[in-house]
Amino acid sequence: MDKNEAANLCDVGTSALGIVDIQTHLTAVMPAKVLARLQRNAGLLIKAAEALDVPVFVSEQYPQGLGNLESDIAKLLPETTRRYEKTCFSITGADGFLEELSSTGRKQIILAGIEAHICVLQTAFLLLQAGYTVFVVADAVCSRHRESYETALERMRQAGVIISDAESVIFEWMRDSRHPQFKQLQSLIR
């Protein structure tokens, strides 16, 4: 595998997971089927990140108005999760985020969350601008309207964001069925 091919794969040693604004008032307005897909796949990513020692960062957009993180997501977060309240739409504007992310030495950021066309998109673009390789997990992001979701994915793809899905990320992190966590993580996906 050449260097360019490897750059398009998620690497467990250089990845961090960003969970963007999966909050109660935002999830309440999502179509039920879309929300179920988001929660399932964001949950899978969080569990895999914990099992594989991938740092997790979580943002909450103005929780006083948009509610707290969904309890189903919050209960899955590893103890080492870094959490940020913010009023800016991108997590990059949250106090201390870029410094803490930089301190991990991780250069790939895997994003999941709400809403694809606002907070996820702005986060992805600003992380690209800051020199990170950004992956957006299409089945772990959503918007209230399908058109907004589809437009956001297309804009991000055109800008150089790598669009993936939760299973791809997890299997790329492991790379081999002989990985010590393979059976545990495979059982979560079935």
C-alpha atoms as a PDB file:
ATOM      1  CA  MET A   1       0.000   0.000   0.000  1.00  0.00           C
ATOM      2  CA  ASP A   2       1.477   3.353  -0.972  1.00  0.00           C
ATOM      3  CA  LYS A   3       1.462   6.461   1.213  1.00  0.00           C
ATOM      4  CA  ASN A   4      -1.480   8.089  -0.619  1.00  0.00           C
ATOM      5  CA  GLU A   5      -3.650   4.990  -0.211  1.00  0.00           C
ATOM      6  CA  ALA A   6      -2.775   4.820   3.480  1.00  0.00           C
ATOM      7  CA  ALA A   7      -3.690   8.503   3.925  1.00  0.00           C
ATOM      8  CA  ASN A   8      -7.248   7.670   2.889  1.00  0.00           C
ATOM      9  CA  LEU A   9      -7.619   5.017   5.589  1.00  0.00           C
ATOM     10  CA  CYS A  10      -8.369   5.767   9.222  1.00  0.00           C
ATOM     11  CA  ASP A  11      -5.352   4.958  11.348  1.00  0.00           C
ATOM     12  CA  VAL A  12      -5.931   3.994  14.971  1.00  0.00           C
ATOM     13  CA  GLY A  13      -2.635   5.538  16.071  1.00  0.00           C
ATOM     14  CA  THR A  14      -3.279   8.928  14.499  1.00  0.00           C
ATOM     15  CA  SER A  15      -7.080   9.267  14.864  1.00  0.00           C
ATOM     16  CA  ALA A  16      -9.246  11.181  17.296  1.00  0.00           C
ATOM     17  CA  LEU A  17     -13.045  10.960  17.394  1.00  0.00           C
ATOM     18  CA  GLY A  18     -15.175  14.102  17.516  1.00  0.00           C
ATOM     19  CA  ILE A  19     -18.805  13.829  18.610  1.00  0.00           C
ATOM     20  CA  VAL A  20     -20.569  17.056  17.664  1.00  0.00           C
ATOM     21  CA  ASP A  21     -23.684  18.315  19.454  1.00  0.00           C
ATOM     22  CA  ILE A  22     -25.820  15.181  19.843  1.00  0.00           C
ATOM     23  CA  GLN A  23     -28.105  17.049  22.220  1.00  0.00           C
ATOM     24  CA  THR A  24     -31.672  16.508  23.375  1.00  0.00           C
ATOM     25  CA  HIS A  25     -33.345  19.517  21.708  1.00  0.00           C
ATOM     26  CA  LEU A  26     -31.598  18.766  18.415  1.00  0.00           C
ATOM     27  CA  THR A  27     -32.367  15.058  18.434  1.00  0.00           C
ATOM     28  CA  ALA A  28     -36.019  15.810  19.251  1.00  0.00           C
ATOM     29  CA  VAL A  29     -36.515  17.359  15.789  1.00  0.00           C
ATOM     30  CA  MET A  30     -34.799  14.607  13.800  1.00  0.00           C
ATOM     31  CA  PRO A  31     -36.818  11.992  11.910  1.00  0.00           C
ATOM     32  CA  ALA A  32     -37.002   8.861  14.101  1.00  0.00           C
ATOM     33  CA  LYS A  33     -35.333   6.538  11.580  1.00  0.00           C
ATOM     34  CA  VAL A  34     -32.483   8.999  10.960  1.00  0.00           C
ATOM     35  CA  LEU A  35     -31.982   9.521  14.692  1.00  0.00           C
ATOM     36  CA  ALA A  36     -31.872   5.770  15.356  1.00  0.00           C
ATOM     37  CA  ARG A  37     -29.158   5.369  12.684  1.00  0.00           C
ATOM     38  CA  LEU A  38     -27.160   8.274  14.129  1.00  0.00           C
ATOM     39  CA  GLN A  39     -27.351   6.977  17.710  1.00  0.00           C
ATOM     40  CA  ARG A  40     -26.455   3.419  16.733  1.00  0.00           C
ATOM     41  CA  ASN A  41     -23.449   4.396  14.646  1.00  0.00           C
ATOM     42  CA  ALA A  42     -22.163   7.141  16.931  1.00  0.00           C
ATOM     43  CA  GLY A  43     -22.437   4.603  19.764  1.00  0.00           C
ATOM     44  CA  LEU A  44     -20.445   2.046  17.767  1.00  0.00           C
ATOM     45  CA  LEU A  45     -17.719   4.612  17.098  1.00  0.00           C
ATOM     46  CA  ILE A  46     -17.518   5.583  20.766  1.00  0.00           C
ATOM     47  CA  LYS A  47     -17.294   1.941  21.914  1.00  0.00           C
ATOM     48  CA  ALA A  48     -14.627   1.178  19.312  1.00  0.00           C
ATOM     49  CA  ALA A  49     -12.675   4.321  20.203  1.00  0.00           C
ATOM     50  CA  GLU A  50     -12.644   3.307  23.858  1.00  0.00           C
ATOM     51  CA  ALA A  51     -11.586  -0.288  23.065  1.00  0.00           C
ATOM     52  CA  LEU A  52      -8.811   0.938  20.770  1.00  0.00           C
ATOM     53  CA  ASP A  53      -7.595   3.916  22.871  1.00  0.00           C
ATOM     54  CA  VAL A  54      -8.667   6.551  20.357  1.00  0.00           C
ATOM     55  CA  PRO A  55      -9.156   9.922  22.120  1.00  0.00           C
ATOM     56  CA  VAL A  56     -12.745  11.203  22.127  1.00  0.00           C
ATOM     57  CA  PHE A  57     -13.772  14.874  22.040  1.00  0.00           C
ATOM     58  CA  VAL A  58     -17.404  15.947  22.547  1.00  0.00           C
ATOM     59  CA  SER A  59     -19.058  19.291  21.997  1.00  0.00           C
ATOM     60  CA  GLU A  60     -22.353  20.716  23.167  1.00  0.00           C
ATOM     61  CA  GLN A  61     -23.772  23.739  21.343  1.00  0.00           C
ATOM     62  CA  TYR A  62     -25.261  26.201  23.846  1.00  0.00           C
ATOM     63  CA  PRO A  63     -26.658  23.505  26.192  1.00  0.00           C
ATOM     64  CA  GLN A  64     -28.804  26.038  28.085  1.00  0.00           C
ATOM     65  CA  GLY A  65     -30.918  26.354  24.944  1.00  0.00           C
ATOM     66  CA  LEU A  66     -30.339  23.095  23.073  1.00  0.00           C
ATOM     67  CA  GLY A  67     -30.230  20.703  26.003  1.00  0.00           C
ATOM     68  CA  ASN A  68     -27.551  18.347  27.219  1.00  0.00           C
ATOM     69  CA  LEU A  69     -25.868  15.520  25.426  1.00  0.00           C
ATOM     70  CA  GLU A  70     -28.252  12.618  24.753  1.00  0.00           C
ATOM     71  CA  SER A  71     -28.069  10.255  27.721  1.00  0.00           C
ATOM     72  CA  ASP A  72     -27.650   7.207  25.438  1.00  0.00           C
ATOM     73  CA  ILE A  73     -24.500   8.815  24.039  1.00  0.00           C
ATOM     74  CA  ALA A  74     -23.238  10.314  27.301  1.00  0.00           C
ATOM     75  CA  LYS A  75     -23.292   6.963  29.116  1.00  0.00           C
ATOM     76  CA  LEU A  76     -21.015   5.426  26.459  1.00  0.00           C
ATOM     77  CA  LEU A  77     -18.286   8.050  26.694  1.00  0.00           C
ATOM     78  CA  PRO A  78     -14.923   6.917  28.053  1.00  0.00           C
ATOM     79  CA  GLU A  79     -13.796   8.570  31.292  1.00  0.00           C
ATOM     80  CA  THR A  80     -11.004  10.315  29.399  1.00  0.00           C
ATOM     81  CA  THR A  81     -13.434  12.102  27.036  1.00  0.00           C
ATOM     82  CA  ARG A  82     -12.774  15.806  26.678  1.00  0.00           C
ATOM     83  CA  ARG A  83     -16.002  17.844  26.684  1.00  0.00           C
ATOM     84  CA  TYR A  84     -16.576  21.369  25.399  1.00  0.00           C
ATOM     85  CA  GLU A  85     -19.505  23.744  25.662  1.00  0.00           C
ATOM     86  CA  LYS A  86     -19.598  26.215  22.814  1.00  0.00           C
ATOM     87  CA  THR A  87     -21.623  28.977  21.213  1.00  0.00           C
ATOM     88  CA  CYS A  88     -19.677  29.026  17.954  1.00  0.00           C
ATOM     89  CA  PHE A  89     -20.848  26.450  15.434  1.00  0.00           C
ATOM     90  CA  SER A  90     -17.458  24.763  14.953  1.00  0.00           C
ATOM     91  CA  ILE A  91     -15.880  22.896  17.834  1.00  0.00           C
ATOM     92  CA  THR A  92     -12.594  24.512  16.780  1.00  0.00           C
ATOM     93  CA  GLY A  93     -13.803  27.751  18.380  1.00  0.00           C
ATOM     94  CA  ALA A  94     -14.405  26.137  21.783  1.00  0.00           C
ATOM     95  CA  ASP A  95     -11.954  27.284  24.449  1.00  0.00           C
ATOM     96  CA  GLY A  96      -8.977  24.944  24.604  1.00  0.00           C
ATOM     97  CA  PHE A  97     -10.131  22.491  21.935  1.00  0.00           C
ATOM     98  CA  LEU A  98      -7.435  23.051  19.321  1.00  0.00           C
ATOM     99  CA  GLU A  99      -4.718  23.097  21.966  1.00  0.00           C
ATOM    100  CA  GLU A 100      -5.912  19.838  23.527  1.00  0.00           C
ATOM    101  CA  LEU A 101      -6.333  18.184  20.142  1.00  0.00           C
ATOM    102  CA  SER A 102      -2.840  19.279  19.121  1.00  0.00           C
ATOM    103  CA  SER A 103      -1.406  17.915  22.365  1.00  0.00           C
ATOM    104  CA  THR A 104      -2.604  14.404  21.429  1.00  0.00           C
ATOM    105  CA  GLY A 105      -0.414  14.420  18.313  1.00  0.00           C
ATOM    106  CA  ARG A 106      -3.369  12.976  16.354  1.00  0.00           C
ATOM    107  CA  LYS A 107      -3.729  14.310  12.793  1.00  0.00           C
ATOM    108  CA  GLN A 108      -6.864  12.449  11.633  1.00  0.00           C
ATOM    109  CA  ILE A 109     -10.211  13.556  13.001  1.00  0.00           C
ATOM    110  CA  ILE A 110     -13.280  11.351  12.632  1.00  0.00           C
ATOM    111  CA  LEU A 111     -16.519  13.360  12.990  1.00  0.00           C
ATOM    112  CA  ALA A 112     -20.037  12.266  13.938  1.00  0.00           C
ATOM    113  CA  GLY A 113     -22.960  14.402  15.084  1.00  0.00           C
ATOM    114  CA  ILE A 114     -25.601  17.011  14.392  1.00  0.00           C
ATOM    115  CA  GLU A 115     -26.289  18.965  12.163  1.00  0.00           C
ATOM    116  CA  ALA A 116     -24.341  17.895   9.115  1.00  0.00           C
ATOM    117  CA  HIS A 117     -24.800  21.206   7.283  1.00  0.00           C
ATOM    118  CA  ILE A 118     -23.992  23.509  10.210  1.00  0.00           C
ATOM    119  CA  CYS A 119     -21.792  22.392  13.110  1.00  0.00           C
ATOM    120  CA  VAL A 120     -20.319  19.274  11.493  1.00  0.00           C
ATOM    121  CA  LEU A 121     -19.573  21.087   8.210  1.00  0.00           C
ATOM    122  CA  GLN A 122     -17.995  24.128   9.864  1.00  0.00           C
ATOM    123  CA  THR A 123     -15.951  21.901  12.162  1.00  0.00           C
ATOM    124  CA  ALA A 124     -14.746  19.825   9.214  1.00  0.00           C
ATOM    125  CA  PHE A 125     -13.764  22.863   7.141  1.00  0.00           C
ATOM    126  CA  LEU A 126     -11.901  24.573   9.980  1.00  0.00           C
ATOM    127  CA  LEU A 127     -10.071  21.373  10.933  1.00  0.00           C
ATOM    128  CA  LEU A 128      -9.014  20.981   7.286  1.00  0.00           C
ATOM    129  CA  GLN A 129      -7.777  24.559   7.339  1.00  0.00           C
ATOM    130  CA  ALA A 130      -5.808  23.778  10.523  1.00  0.00           C
ATOM    131  CA  GLY A 131      -4.000  20.950   8.691  1.00  0.00           C
ATOM    132  CA  TYR A 132      -5.939  17.900   9.873  1.00  0.00           C
ATOM    133  CA  THR A 133      -7.185  15.021   7.727  1.00  0.00           C
ATOM    134  CA  VAL A 134     -10.930  14.959   8.320  1.00  0.00           C
ATOM    135  CA  PHE A 135     -13.303  12.009   7.970  1.00  0.00           C
ATOM    136  CA  VAL A 136     -17.048  12.531   8.282  1.00  0.00           C
ATOM    137  CA  VAL A 137     -19.045   9.405   9.079  1.00  0.00           C
ATOM    138  CA  ALA A 138     -22.088   9.676   6.807  1.00  0.00           C
ATOM    139  CA  ASP A 139     -24.202   7.220   8.799  1.00  0.00           C
ATOM    140  CA  ALA A 140     -23.339   8.959  12.080  1.00  0.00           C
ATOM    141  CA  VAL A 141     -24.278  12.512  11.073  1.00  0.00           C
ATOM    142  CA  CYS A 142     -27.671  13.977  10.252  1.00  0.00           C
ATOM    143  CA  SER A 143     -29.668  17.111   9.576  1.00  0.00           C
ATOM    144  CA  ARG A 144     -33.346  17.887  10.003  1.00  0.00           C
ATOM    145  CA  HIS A 145     -33.823  17.873   6.240  1.00  0.00           C
ATOM    146  CA  ARG A 146     -32.404  15.306   3.826  1.00  0.00           C
ATOM    147  CA  GLU A 147     -31.468  18.009   1.297  1.00  0.00           C
ATOM    148  CA  SER A 148     -29.329  19.787   3.904  1.00  0.00           C
ATOM    149  CA  TYR A 149     -27.612  16.508   4.803  1.00  0.00           C
ATOM    150  CA  GLU A 150     -26.908  15.601   1.169  1.00  0.00           C
ATOM    151  CA  THR A 151     -25.671  19.090   0.286  1.00  0.00           C
ATOM    152  CA  ALA A 152     -23.386  19.120   3.320  1.00  0.00           C
ATOM    153  CA  LEU A 153     -21.803  15.769   2.416  1.00  0.00           C
ATOM    154  CA  GLU A 154     -21.249  16.929  -1.156  1.00  0.00           C
ATOM    155  CA  ARG A 155     -19.704  20.252  -0.075  1.00  0.00           C
ATOM    156  CA  MET A 156     -17.407  18.483   2.377  1.00  0.00           C
ATOM    157  CA  ARG A 157     -16.381  15.885  -0.208  1.00  0.00           C
ATOM    158  CA  GLN A 158     -15.548  18.647  -2.708  1.00  0.00           C
ATOM    159  CA  ALA A 159     -13.449  20.419  -0.067  1.00  0.00           C
ATOM    160  CA  GLY A 160     -11.335  17.322   0.629  1.00  0.00           C
ATOM    161  CA  VAL A 161     -13.136  15.766   3.582  1.00  0.00           C
ATOM    162  CA  ILE A 162     -13.172  11.973   3.380  1.00  0.00           C
ATOM    163  CA  ILE A 163     -16.724  10.633   3.634  1.00  0.00           C
ATOM    164  CA  SER A 164     -16.944   7.217   5.255  1.00  0.00           C
ATOM    165  CA  ASP A 165     -19.282   5.085   7.372  1.00  0.00           C
ATOM    166  CA  ALA A 166     -19.011   3.701  10.894  1.00  0.00           C
ATOM    167  CA  GLU A 167     -18.129   0.127   9.947  1.00  0.00           C
ATOM    168  CA  SER A 168     -15.401   1.264   7.567  1.00  0.00           C
ATOM    169  CA  VAL A 169     -13.824   3.431  10.259  1.00  0.00           C
ATOM    170  CA  ILE A 170     -13.848   0.617  12.813  1.00  0.00           C
ATOM    171  CA  PHE A 171     -12.407  -1.991  10.436  1.00  0.00           C
ATOM    172  CA  GLU A 172      -9.783   0.478   9.203  1.00  0.00           C
ATOM    173  CA  TRP A 173      -8.768   1.114  12.810  1.00  0.00           C
ATOM    174  CA  MET A 174      -8.227  -2.627  13.281  1.00  0.00           C
ATOM    175  CA  ARG A 175      -6.872  -3.418   9.774  1.00  0.00           C
ATOM    176  CA  ASP A 176      -6.663  -7.175  10.424  1.00  0.00           C
ATOM    177  CA  SER A 177      -9.014  -9.891  11.709  1.00  0.00           C
ATOM    178  CA  ARG A 178      -6.179 -10.979  13.997  1.00  0.00           C
ATOM    179  CA  HIS A 179      -6.446  -7.683  15.897  1.00  0.00           C
ATOM    180  CA  PRO A 180      -6.928  -8.411  19.636  1.00  0.00           C
ATOM    181  CA  GLN A 181     -10.204  -6.415  19.690  1.00  0.00           C
ATOM    182  CA  PHE A 182     -11.615  -7.853  16.450  1.00  0.00           C
ATOM    183  CA  LYS A 183     -14.094 -10.349  17.932  1.00  0.00           C
ATOM    184  CA  GLN A 184     -15.356  -7.844  20.518  1.00  0.00           C
ATOM    185  CA  LEU A 185     -15.901  -5.078  17.961  1.00  0.00           C
ATOM    186  CA  GLN A 186     -17.291  -7.361  15.282  1.00  0.00           C
ATOM    187  CA  SER A 187     -19.915  -8.572  17.763  1.00  0.00           C
ATOM    188  CA  LEU A 188     -21.090  -4.963  18.272  1.00  0.00           C
ATOM    189  CA  ILE A 189     -21.689  -4.501  14.558  1.00  0.00           C
ATOM    190  CA  ARG A 190     -23.796  -7.625  13.960  1.00  0.00           C
END
